[in-house]
Protein backbone atom coordinates (compact mmCIF):
# COMPACT_ATOMS: atom_id res chain seq x y z
CA MET A 1 17.45 2.73 2.42
CA LYS A 2 20.85 4.60 2.22
CA MET A 3 19.32 7.09 -0.29
CA ILE A 4 16.33 7.54 2.03
CA SER A 5 18.44 8.20 5.02
CA ASP A 6 20.73 10.73 3.25
CA CYS A 7 17.93 12.60 1.57
CA SER A 8 15.92 12.84 4.92
CA ASN A 9 18.79 14.18 6.80
CA ALA A 10 19.67 16.72 4.08
CA MET A 11 16.08 17.88 3.56
CA SER A 12 15.43 18.22 7.31
CA LEU A 13 18.56 20.30 7.85
CA SER A 14 17.94 22.58 4.88
CA ARG A 15 14.21 23.23 5.71
CA SER A 16 14.08 23.64 9.34
CA GLY A 17 17.79 23.86 10.38
CA ASP A 18 17.03 20.96 12.89
CA PRO A 19 19.20 17.93 11.90
CA LEU A 20 17.28 14.71 11.69
CA ASN A 21 20.31 12.48 12.34
CA THR A 22 18.64 9.31 11.13
CA SER A 23 20.59 6.26 9.87
CA VAL A 24 20.18 3.40 7.40
CA ASP A 25 19.28 1.05 10.37
CA GLU A 26 16.65 3.49 11.70
CA VAL A 27 15.01 3.68 8.22
CA TYR A 28 14.82 -0.12 8.18
CA HIS A 29 13.33 0.00 11.57
CA PHE A 30 10.77 2.56 10.48
CA PHE A 31 9.53 0.50 7.58
CA GLY A 32 9.63 -2.61 9.80
CA ALA A 33 7.46 -0.86 12.41
CA CYS A 34 4.98 0.33 9.68
CA ILE A 35 4.54 -3.21 8.37
CA LEU A 36 4.17 -4.65 11.81
CA MET A 37 1.60 -2.05 12.64
CA SER A 38 -0.41 -3.24 9.60
CA CYS A 39 -0.37 -6.80 10.90
CA ILE A 40 -1.40 -5.72 14.59
CA ARG A 41 -3.98 -3.03 14.14
CA TYR A 42 -4.81 -0.51 16.84
CA PRO A 43 -7.21 2.37 16.41
CA THR A 44 -4.48 4.93 16.90
CA ILE A 45 -0.66 4.86 16.41
CA ARG A 46 -0.17 6.27 19.93
CA MET A 47 -1.61 3.06 21.44
CA TYR A 48 1.53 1.09 20.30
CA TRP A 49 3.55 3.10 22.98
CA SER A 50 0.84 2.81 25.67
CA LYS A 51 1.79 0.97 28.90
CA ALA A 52 -1.01 -1.64 28.53
CA LEU A 53 -0.75 -2.36 24.80
CA ARG A 54 2.84 -1.43 23.82
CA ILE A 55 4.61 -3.64 21.40
CA THR A 56 8.26 -3.87 22.52
CA ALA A 57 9.52 -4.74 19.04
CA ILE A 58 8.49 -1.18 18.10
CA THR A 59 9.06 0.78 21.32
CA ASP A 60 12.53 -0.64 21.87
CA LYS A 61 13.73 0.96 18.56
CA PHE A 62 12.45 4.47 18.98
CA THR A 63 10.17 6.59 21.04
CA ARG A 64 6.74 7.81 19.97
CA ASN A 65 7.92 11.30 19.26
CA ARG A 66 10.87 10.06 17.23
CA PHE A 67 8.53 7.86 15.19
CA PHE A 68 6.23 10.60 14.35
CA ARG A 69 9.14 12.91 13.45
CA LEU A 70 10.52 10.20 11.08
CA ARG A 71 7.07 9.81 9.59
CA GLY A 72 6.88 13.46 8.77
CA SER A 73 10.38 13.73 7.43
CA ILE A 74 10.98 10.75 5.19
CA LYS A 75 12.31 11.87 1.74
CA VAL A 76 13.47 9.82 -1.23
CA LEU A 77 15.24 12.74 -3.01
CA ILE A 78 16.52 16.30 -2.47
CA ASP A 79 14.01 18.67 -3.87
CA ASP A 80 16.54 21.33 -4.94
CA ASP A 81 18.33 18.88 -7.20
CA VAL A 82 15.28 18.30 -9.29
CA PRO A 83 15.16 20.63 -12.36
CA GLU A 84 12.02 22.66 -13.02
CA ASP A 85 11.32 21.02 -16.30
CA LEU A 86 11.21 17.56 -14.68
CA ARG A 87 8.84 18.86 -12.04
CA LYS A 88 6.43 20.13 -14.76
CA ARG A 89 6.76 16.80 -16.74
CA ASP A 90 6.41 14.36 -13.97
CA LYS A 91 3.67 15.06 -11.32
CA PHE A 92 5.08 12.31 -9.02
CA TRP A 93 8.63 13.47 -9.09
CA LYS A 94 8.80 13.58 -5.18
CA VAL A 95 8.57 9.78 -5.03
CA ARG A 96 9.93 8.72 -8.41
CA PRO A 97 13.14 7.16 -7.24
CA PHE A 98 11.24 4.97 -4.87
CA LEU A 99 8.68 4.02 -7.77
CA ASP A 100 11.66 3.34 -10.07
CA ARG A 101 13.08 0.83 -7.55
CA ILE A 102 9.86 -0.92 -7.17
CA LEU A 103 9.32 -0.87 -11.02
CA GLN A 104 12.73 -2.36 -11.47
CA GLY A 105 11.84 -5.37 -9.29
CA CYS A 106 8.59 -5.88 -11.16
CA LYS A 107 10.26 -5.68 -14.70
CA SER A 108 12.84 -8.36 -13.52
CA GLN A 109 10.22 -10.98 -13.27
CA ASN A 110 9.86 -13.70 -16.02
CA ARG A 111 7.35 -12.76 -18.79
CA PRO A 112 4.54 -15.27 -19.22
CA GLU A 113 2.48 -16.24 -22.19
CA CYS A 114 -0.67 -14.50 -20.74
CA ALA A 115 -0.94 -11.26 -18.89
CA SER A 116 -3.86 -8.87 -17.80
CA ILE A 117 -4.00 -5.08 -17.60
CA ASP A 118 -6.39 -3.27 -15.46
CA GLU A 119 -6.80 -0.15 -13.26
CA GLN A 120 -5.78 0.01 -9.55
CA MET A 121 -6.76 2.77 -7.11
CA ILE A 122 -4.43 3.92 -4.45
CA PRO A 123 -6.83 5.21 -1.76
CA PHE A 124 -6.17 8.83 -0.78
CA THR A 125 -8.62 11.67 -0.16
CA GLY A 126 -6.29 14.50 0.63
CA ALA A 127 -4.52 17.07 -1.71
CA CYS A 128 -2.37 15.43 -4.42
CA PRO A 129 -1.08 16.17 -7.92
CA CYS A 130 -3.47 13.93 -9.76
CA ARG A 131 -6.53 12.64 -7.90
CA GLN A 132 -9.25 10.59 -9.65
CA TYR A 133 -12.74 9.45 -8.81
CA LEU A 134 -13.90 6.09 -9.97
CA PRO A 135 -17.40 5.38 -8.51
CA MET A 136 -17.36 1.57 -9.22
CA LYS A 137 -14.07 0.89 -7.38
CA PRO A 138 -14.00 -0.21 -3.63
CA ASN A 139 -11.85 2.79 -3.01
CA PRO A 140 -13.47 5.45 -5.35
CA VAL A 141 -11.21 8.40 -4.66
CA GLY A 142 -7.37 8.23 -4.94
CA ILE A 143 -4.48 8.02 -7.45
CA LYS A 144 -5.10 5.81 -10.44
CA ASN A 145 -2.54 3.29 -11.34
CA PHE A 146 -2.53 1.15 -14.49
CA VAL A 147 -1.13 -2.44 -13.71
CA CYS A 148 0.02 -5.27 -15.90
CA ALA A 149 0.02 -8.59 -13.95
CA THR A 150 0.01 -12.36 -14.54
CA ALA A 151 -3.00 -14.54 -13.94
CA ASP A 152 -1.32 -15.40 -10.60
CA GLY A 153 -1.38 -11.76 -9.41
CA ILE A 154 2.43 -10.95 -9.82
CA VAL A 155 2.85 -7.42 -11.02
CA LEU A 156 5.01 -7.17 -14.16
CA ASP A 157 4.70 -3.41 -14.85
CA PHE A 158 2.70 -0.39 -13.81
CA ASP A 159 2.19 3.31 -14.83
CA LEU A 160 0.66 6.09 -12.62
CA TYR A 161 -1.91 8.05 -14.58
CA GLN A 162 -1.01 11.69 -14.71
CA GLY A 163 -2.91 12.76 -17.91
CA LYS A 164 -3.03 11.63 -21.65
CA GLY A 165 -0.09 13.87 -22.43
CA ALA A 166 2.32 11.88 -20.28
CA LEU A 167 1.32 8.68 -22.14
CA LEU A 168 1.82 10.18 -25.46
CA GLU A 169 5.59 10.80 -24.80
CA GLN A 170 6.05 7.02 -23.96
CA VAL A 171 4.47 5.63 -27.17
CA GLU A 172 5.35 5.35 -30.80
CA GLU A 173 4.06 7.82 -33.36
CA GLU A 174 1.60 5.43 -35.06
CA GLU A 175 -0.03 4.83 -31.61
CA VAL A 176 -0.66 8.61 -30.97
CA GLY A 177 -4.18 8.44 -32.47
CA LEU A 178 -5.48 5.73 -30.04
CA GLY A 179 -7.57 6.67 -27.05
CA LEU A 180 -6.56 6.66 -23.44
CA GLY A 181 -7.19 2.99 -23.04
CA GLY A 182 -5.24 2.14 -26.29
CA LEU A 183 -2.25 4.32 -25.13
CA VAL A 184 -2.15 2.52 -21.82
CA LEU A 185 -2.15 -0.88 -23.60
CA ALA A 186 0.68 0.31 -25.80
CA ARG A 187 2.64 1.47 -22.94
CA LEU A 188 2.33 -1.48 -20.65
CA CYS A 189 2.87 -3.98 -23.50
CA GLN A 190 6.25 -2.51 -24.19
CA THR A 191 7.85 -4.85 -21.62
CA LEU A 192 5.96 -8.00 -22.81
CA HIS A 193 7.43 -10.54 -25.18
CA ARG A 194 6.03 -10.92 -28.79
CA GLY A 195 3.09 -13.40 -28.88
CA THR A 196 1.80 -12.55 -25.45
CA LYS A 197 -1.90 -12.82 -24.97
CA VAL A 198 -3.26 -9.75 -23.35
CA TYR A 199 -6.55 -9.61 -21.42
CA CYS A 200 -8.23 -6.41 -20.51
CA ASP A 201 -11.75 -4.90 -19.85
CA ARG A 202 -13.90 -2.70 -22.03
CA PHE A 203 -12.10 0.49 -21.11
CA PHE A 204 -9.06 -0.59 -23.02
CA THR A 205 -10.59 -2.46 -25.92
CA SER A 206 -11.33 -1.01 -29.44
CA ILE A 207 -11.07 -2.31 -32.98
CA ARG A 208 -8.32 0.13 -33.88
CA CYS A 209 -6.40 -0.65 -30.75
CA VAL A 210 -6.71 -4.45 -31.22
CA GLU A 211 -5.55 -4.17 -34.86
CA GLN A 212 -2.61 -1.84 -33.90
CA MET A 213 -1.44 -4.36 -31.22
CA MET A 214 -1.78 -7.21 -33.63
CA LYS A 215 0.85 -5.66 -35.81
CA LYS A 216 3.22 -5.99 -32.78
CA GLU A 217 2.19 -9.68 -32.29
CA MET A 218 0.28 -8.73 -29.07
CA TYR A 219 -3.04 -10.51 -29.00
CA ILE A 220 -5.74 -8.75 -27.18
CA THR A 221 -8.90 -10.41 -25.61
CA GLY A 222 -11.53 -8.31 -23.70
CA THR A 223 -14.96 -7.00 -23.26
CA ILE A 224 -15.93 -4.18 -25.55
CA MET A 225 -18.59 -1.41 -25.53
CA LYS A 226 -21.34 -1.86 -28.12
CA ASN A 227 -20.76 1.71 -29.35
CA ARG A 228 -17.20 0.71 -30.43
CA LEU A 229 -18.32 -2.03 -32.71
CA ALA A 230 -19.68 0.33 -35.53
CA GLY A 231 -22.01 -1.81 -37.85
CA ALA A 232 -20.95 -5.18 -36.41
CA LYS A 233 -23.46 -5.13 -33.53
CA GLU A 234 -26.28 -5.05 -36.03
CA LYS A 235 -25.08 -8.38 -37.59
CA LEU A 236 -25.22 -10.09 -34.14
CA ALA A 237 -28.38 -11.52 -32.56
CA SER A 238 -30.43 -8.95 -30.86
CA ASP A 239 -30.84 -8.89 -27.03
CA LYS A 240 -34.54 -9.63 -27.18
CA THR A 241 -33.84 -12.81 -29.38
CA MET A 242 -31.19 -14.11 -27.16
CA LYS A 243 -33.26 -13.56 -23.99
CA ASN A 244 -36.15 -15.52 -25.45
CA THR A 245 -33.75 -18.26 -26.37
CA GLY A 246 -32.44 -18.54 -22.92
CA ARG A 247 -29.23 -18.32 -20.91
CA GLY A 248 -26.18 -19.61 -22.46
CA THR A 249 -27.01 -18.39 -26.01
CA SER A 250 -24.14 -16.93 -27.98
CA SER A 251 -23.52 -15.30 -31.33
CA GLU A 252 -20.34 -14.99 -33.17
CA LEU A 253 -19.05 -12.69 -35.94
CA SER A 254 -15.53 -12.52 -37.54
CA THR A 255 -13.87 -10.47 -40.08
CA GLU A 256 -13.28 -11.54 -43.58
CA ASP A 257 -9.65 -12.56 -43.03
CA GLY A 258 -10.76 -14.37 -39.80
CA LYS A 259 -8.19 -12.69 -37.64
CA LEU A 260 -10.69 -10.73 -35.46
CA CYS A 261 -13.66 -12.29 -33.72
CA VAL A 262 -16.61 -10.75 -31.82
CA VAL A 263 -18.79 -12.82 -29.56
CA LYS A 264 -22.01 -11.99 -27.95
CA TRP A 265 -23.04 -14.16 -24.94
CA TYR A 266 -26.21 -13.91 -22.95
CA ASP A 267 -26.11 -14.83 -19.23
CA ASN A 268 -28.06 -12.53 -16.90
CA LYS A 269 -27.48 -9.80 -19.48
CA PRO A 270 -25.69 -9.77 -22.87
CA VAL A 271 -21.88 -9.59 -22.84
CA LEU A 272 -19.81 -8.37 -25.81
CA MET A 273 -16.20 -9.63 -26.10
CA MET A 274 -13.55 -9.26 -28.87
CA SER A 275 -10.49 -11.49 -29.28
CA VAL A 276 -7.73 -12.27 -31.77
CA VAL A 277 -7.07 -15.88 -30.44
CA HIS A 278 -10.37 -17.03 -29.03
CA GLY A 279 -13.93 -17.65 -30.34
CA THR A 280 -17.04 -19.58 -29.38
CA GLU A 281 -15.66 -23.01 -29.91
CA PRO A 282 -14.96 -25.16 -28.07
CA GLU A 283 -18.01 -24.47 -25.69
CA ASP A 284 -18.23 -25.80 -22.24
CA THR A 285 -20.67 -25.56 -19.40
CA CYS A 286 -20.64 -23.63 -16.08
CA GLN A 287 -22.87 -23.53 -13.00
CA ARG A 288 -24.76 -20.16 -12.71
CA TRP A 289 -27.21 -19.14 -9.99
CA ASP A 290 -30.94 -18.70 -11.04
CA LYS A 291 -32.88 -16.26 -8.98
CA LYS A 292 -36.32 -17.58 -9.98
CA LEU A 293 -35.54 -21.33 -9.22
CA LYS A 294 -33.18 -20.43 -6.37
CA GLU A 295 -30.59 -22.92 -7.34
CA TYR A 296 -27.62 -23.40 -9.64
CA VAL A 297 -28.26 -24.28 -13.20
CA THR A 298 -25.99 -25.52 -16.07
CA VAL A 299 -25.24 -22.87 -18.74
CA SER A 300 -23.45 -23.20 -21.95
CA ARG A 301 -20.29 -21.02 -22.08
CA PRO A 302 -18.13 -19.94 -25.08
CA SER A 303 -14.35 -20.53 -25.04
CA ILE A 304 -13.63 -16.75 -25.03
CA VAL A 305 -15.57 -16.28 -21.84
CA ARG A 306 -13.87 -19.21 -20.11
CA GLU A 307 -10.39 -17.96 -21.04
CA TYR A 308 -11.21 -14.33 -20.10
CA ASN A 309 -12.42 -15.49 -16.57
CA LEU A 310 -9.37 -17.59 -16.02
CA LYS A 311 -6.68 -14.98 -17.11
CA MET A 312 -8.22 -11.58 -16.30
CA GLY A 313 -8.24 -11.65 -12.38
CA GLY A 314 -4.45 -10.98 -11.78
CA VAL A 315 -4.82 -7.25 -10.90
CA ASP A 316 -7.86 -7.86 -8.71
CA LEU A 317 -5.97 -10.51 -6.92
CA ILE A 318 -3.05 -8.26 -5.98
CA ASP A 319 -5.42 -5.60 -5.04
CA ARG A 320 -7.20 -8.03 -2.68
CA MET A 321 -3.83 -9.05 -1.21
CA ILE A 322 -2.96 -5.45 -0.40
CA SER A 323 -6.20 -4.66 1.04
CA TYR A 324 -5.99 -7.36 3.69
CA TYR A 325 -3.07 -5.68 5.63
CA ARG A 326 -2.81 -2.29 4.06
CA MET A 327 -0.40 0.19 5.81
CA SER A 328 -3.28 2.68 6.12
CA ALA A 329 -2.16 5.01 8.88
CA ARG A 330 -3.96 8.26 8.66
CA THR A 331 -1.76 10.83 6.78
CA LYS A 332 -2.21 14.11 5.00
CA LYS A 333 0.96 13.60 2.85
CA TRP A 334 0.32 11.91 -0.47
CA THR A 335 4.10 11.05 -0.65
CA MET A 336 3.85 8.96 2.41
CA ARG A 337 0.65 7.26 1.11
CA MET A 338 2.65 6.36 -2.06
CA LEU A 339 5.47 4.91 -0.21
CA MET A 340 3.25 2.84 1.93
CA HIS A 341 1.17 1.55 -1.07
CA PHE A 342 4.11 0.43 -3.12
CA THR A 343 5.72 -1.22 -0.06
CA ASP A 344 2.55 -3.16 0.29
CA LEU A 345 2.74 -4.02 -3.42
CA ALA A 346 6.25 -5.18 -3.12
CA LEU A 347 5.31 -7.41 -0.14
CA ALA A 348 2.28 -8.93 -1.91
CA ASN A 349 4.47 -9.54 -5.00
CA SER A 350 7.14 -11.24 -2.89
CA TRP A 351 4.67 -13.39 -1.07
CA LEU A 352 3.09 -14.54 -4.47
CA LEU A 353 6.52 -15.38 -5.68
CA TYR A 354 7.56 -17.21 -2.57
CA ARG A 355 4.33 -19.32 -2.71
CA LYS A 356 4.88 -20.10 -6.40
CA ASP A 357 8.52 -21.23 -5.92
CA LEU A 358 7.52 -23.59 -2.97
CA ALA A 359 4.74 -24.95 -5.06
CA ILE A 360 7.27 -25.73 -7.82
CA CYS A 361 9.47 -27.46 -5.21
CA ALA A 362 6.45 -29.60 -4.10
CA ALA A 363 6.80 -28.28 -0.51
CA PRO A 364 4.11 -29.39 1.81
CA LYS A 365 1.32 -26.90 2.31
CA LYS A 366 1.84 -26.60 6.03
CA SER A 367 5.40 -25.42 5.61
CA ILE A 368 4.28 -22.46 3.46
CA MET A 369 3.78 -19.30 5.34
CA GLN A 370 0.50 -17.49 5.09
CA PHE A 371 0.51 -13.83 4.00
CA LEU A 372 0.13 -12.55 7.54
CA GLU A 373 2.99 -14.60 8.81
CA PHE A 374 5.04 -13.61 5.76
CA ARG A 375 4.54 -9.89 6.59
CA THR A 376 5.17 -10.36 10.30
CA GLU A 377 8.46 -12.14 9.53
CA MET A 378 9.50 -9.38 7.07
CA ALA A 379 8.70 -6.75 9.75
CA MET A 380 10.78 -8.47 12.40
CA THR A 381 13.64 -8.89 9.89
CA LEU A 382 13.68 -5.14 9.14
CA LEU A 383 13.36 -4.26 12.82
CA ALA A 384 16.41 -6.44 13.55
CA GLN A 385 18.65 -4.84 10.92
CA HIS A 386 21.96 -3.72 12.38
CA HIS A 387 24.87 -2.75 10.21
CA GLY A 388 27.35 -1.97 13.07
CA GLN A 389 27.47 1.78 12.34
CA GLY A 390 27.43 2.65 15.98
CA SER A 391 24.29 4.69 15.62
CA ASP A 392 22.24 3.10 18.34
CA ALA A 393 23.88 5.24 21.04
CA ASP A 394 23.33 8.36 19.05
CA LEU A 395 19.73 7.54 18.39
CA SER A 396 18.94 6.76 22.07
CA LYS A 397 20.65 9.98 23.04
CA GLN A 398 18.52 11.93 20.39
CA SER A 399 15.35 10.32 21.71
CA GLU A 400 16.25 11.41 25.29
CA GLU A 401 16.83 14.89 24.06
CA GLU A 402 13.50 15.00 22.25
CA ASP A 403 11.74 13.69 25.41
CA ASN A 404 13.52 16.33 27.63
CA SER A 405 12.34 19.04 25.38
CA ASN A 406 8.73 18.16 26.23
CA GLN A 407 9.29 18.12 30.03
CA GLY A 408 8.25 21.83 30.33
CA LYS A 409 4.69 20.84 29.62
CA LYS A 410 2.40 20.30 32.49
CA ARG A 411 2.08 16.78 33.49
CA SER A 412 -0.69 15.02 35.43
CA VAL A 413 0.11 14.05 38.97
CA THR A 414 -0.02 10.35 39.57
CA ALA A 415 -1.33 8.71 42.85
CA VAL A 416 1.06 7.54 45.56
CA PRO A 417 1.82 3.79 45.17
CA HIS A 418 1.02 1.40 47.98
CA VAL A 419 3.46 1.27 50.84
CA SER A 420 4.38 -2.39 50.02
CA VAL A 421 5.59 -1.21 46.64
CA ARG A 422 7.25 1.91 47.86
CA ARG A 423 9.44 -0.01 50.34
CA ARG A 424 10.89 -2.08 47.50
CA ALA A 425 12.65 0.93 46.05
CA ASN A 426 15.21 1.79 48.64
CA ALA A 427 16.74 4.74 46.54
CA HIS A 428 14.09 7.38 47.37
CA LEU A 429 11.92 6.92 50.45
CA PRO A 430 9.78 9.63 52.25
CA GLU A 431 11.02 10.36 55.73
CA MET A 432 8.66 11.92 58.31
CA ILE A 433 10.27 14.56 60.46
CA SER A 434 9.11 16.41 63.59
CA LEU A 435 6.54 19.18 63.45
CA LYS A 436 9.02 21.88 64.56
CA ASN A 437 11.17 21.05 61.47
CA ALA A 438 8.39 21.27 58.99
CA ALA A 439 9.24 23.52 55.99
CA ARG A 440 7.70 24.76 52.80
CA CYS A 441 7.54 22.53 49.80
CA ARG A 442 10.56 22.98 47.50
CA VAL A 443 8.62 22.38 44.29
CA ALA A 444 8.18 25.69 42.27
CA GLY A 445 4.83 27.18 42.75
CA CYS A 446 3.74 24.98 45.68
CA THR A 447 2.91 26.92 49.00
CA GLY A 448 2.14 23.75 51.07
CA ARG A 449 3.76 22.94 54.23
CA THR A 450 5.04 19.40 54.88
CA ARG A 451 6.77 17.06 57.24
CA VAL A 452 8.05 14.78 54.54
CA ARG A 453 11.63 14.63 53.37
CA CYS A 454 13.25 12.33 50.75
CA VAL A 455 15.88 10.21 52.39
CA THR A 456 18.28 10.43 49.42
CA CYS A 457 17.62 13.87 47.99
CA LYS A 458 17.17 15.55 51.51
CA VAL A 459 14.47 17.73 49.84
CA PHE A 460 11.30 18.76 51.61
CA LEU A 461 8.39 17.84 49.47
CA CYS A 462 4.58 18.13 49.75
CA LEU A 463 2.61 14.95 50.49
CA GLN A 464 -0.81 15.99 51.37
CA GLY A 465 -4.14 16.77 49.79
CA ASP A 466 -4.72 16.64 45.96
CA ARG A 467 -1.23 18.01 45.27
CA ASN A 468 1.39 15.14 45.42
CA CYS A 469 4.77 16.95 44.82
CA TYR A 470 6.77 14.01 46.23
CA THR A 471 5.58 11.62 43.40
CA ALA A 472 5.73 14.26 40.81
CA PHE A 473 9.31 15.32 41.74
CA HIS A 474 10.65 11.76 41.42
CA THR A 475 8.83 10.79 38.05
């Protein structure tokens, strides 16, 4: 937060000449407000400062104009300090310090025996350095992120996709010949312990990649495309034969040394899987929906399918947790989109760890906070941050100056309050004077004549017709 505060102030002063004058506390408050807005959703951000729907936890910290200015000025590094070669090598250099801090927290987690690797999409439709389109994803347009996670959904490592060349620089020489999926596996398996069982989908799986990872004692299990099996697919049972046999039919094929196994299982359609540690045995049964009978039927299931279904859903789980309360405020800046997404990722990771720790301690379920309550508590904690820097007075003064700079704009004239309400405020009351003392209204541009004068200010003001200068003058 100190780094964000210093960089934002320096960049604002160098670019526009107008100092931002933010502080560490205000950066805490900004992120707390963004998290709270994701928990209490309004159609537009401006509604959080409206009189009817305002949330005092946010409005007490900064004005609406101050919030929007912070949102457009947040920086995590000073652009001029980044060398040109680093800018060409890293497309996400503008947010790299923030990503490294989140990645540091992910890599500090305990490494389990099983992990899954899959793609994640950061939704963003604006201009960005490396935008991708994946039609089968819930958010098809955005920035692609390769994630390594546990079966419980805890993120262990991630790597933003910015071309095959960036991956080649991070892997060893013998892995250069692998495809894109193999390079991603090699990169994300670097932080895993030897002997880890890795589960992935068909985008990453190939025979050469599995054999290469086996040399590093990384045991891959995943679905595989039939065009990557070479002549092995001809030795397996055909689709027509398995369909005639019925659902639950499986066919197995292994290499001569028995280290690599390919299983073909027919459910609604044939599924090809490859593994180093699992095979067909021991088989079990599962309940599957039958469209013709319109009921659940019992189907035989190989061991490799059962283990894959149990261990592969970690990345999908963290995606679902992020999508529930995503900080999805509309923005054209990809840097802000990235900061919001990885803050959401850190919050989801934290809640999963919190729930796991309390489960180990055998805490009652009622005492465990739900994800929404966890995010709300985190937001209120950030909004309550105060390090005694004496910056509150400066921030309130700056907010007043920003508001005063907008007073030159034409403001709508409000109606006169009821007489019972006006009498309660004894500071400024209208005083009726005699007709001979009537004078022109003192408000610039008004040509009306009036017999109303403010008791305190002693200023003649117009209080007639559609123009209400008395109320406009005192508001």
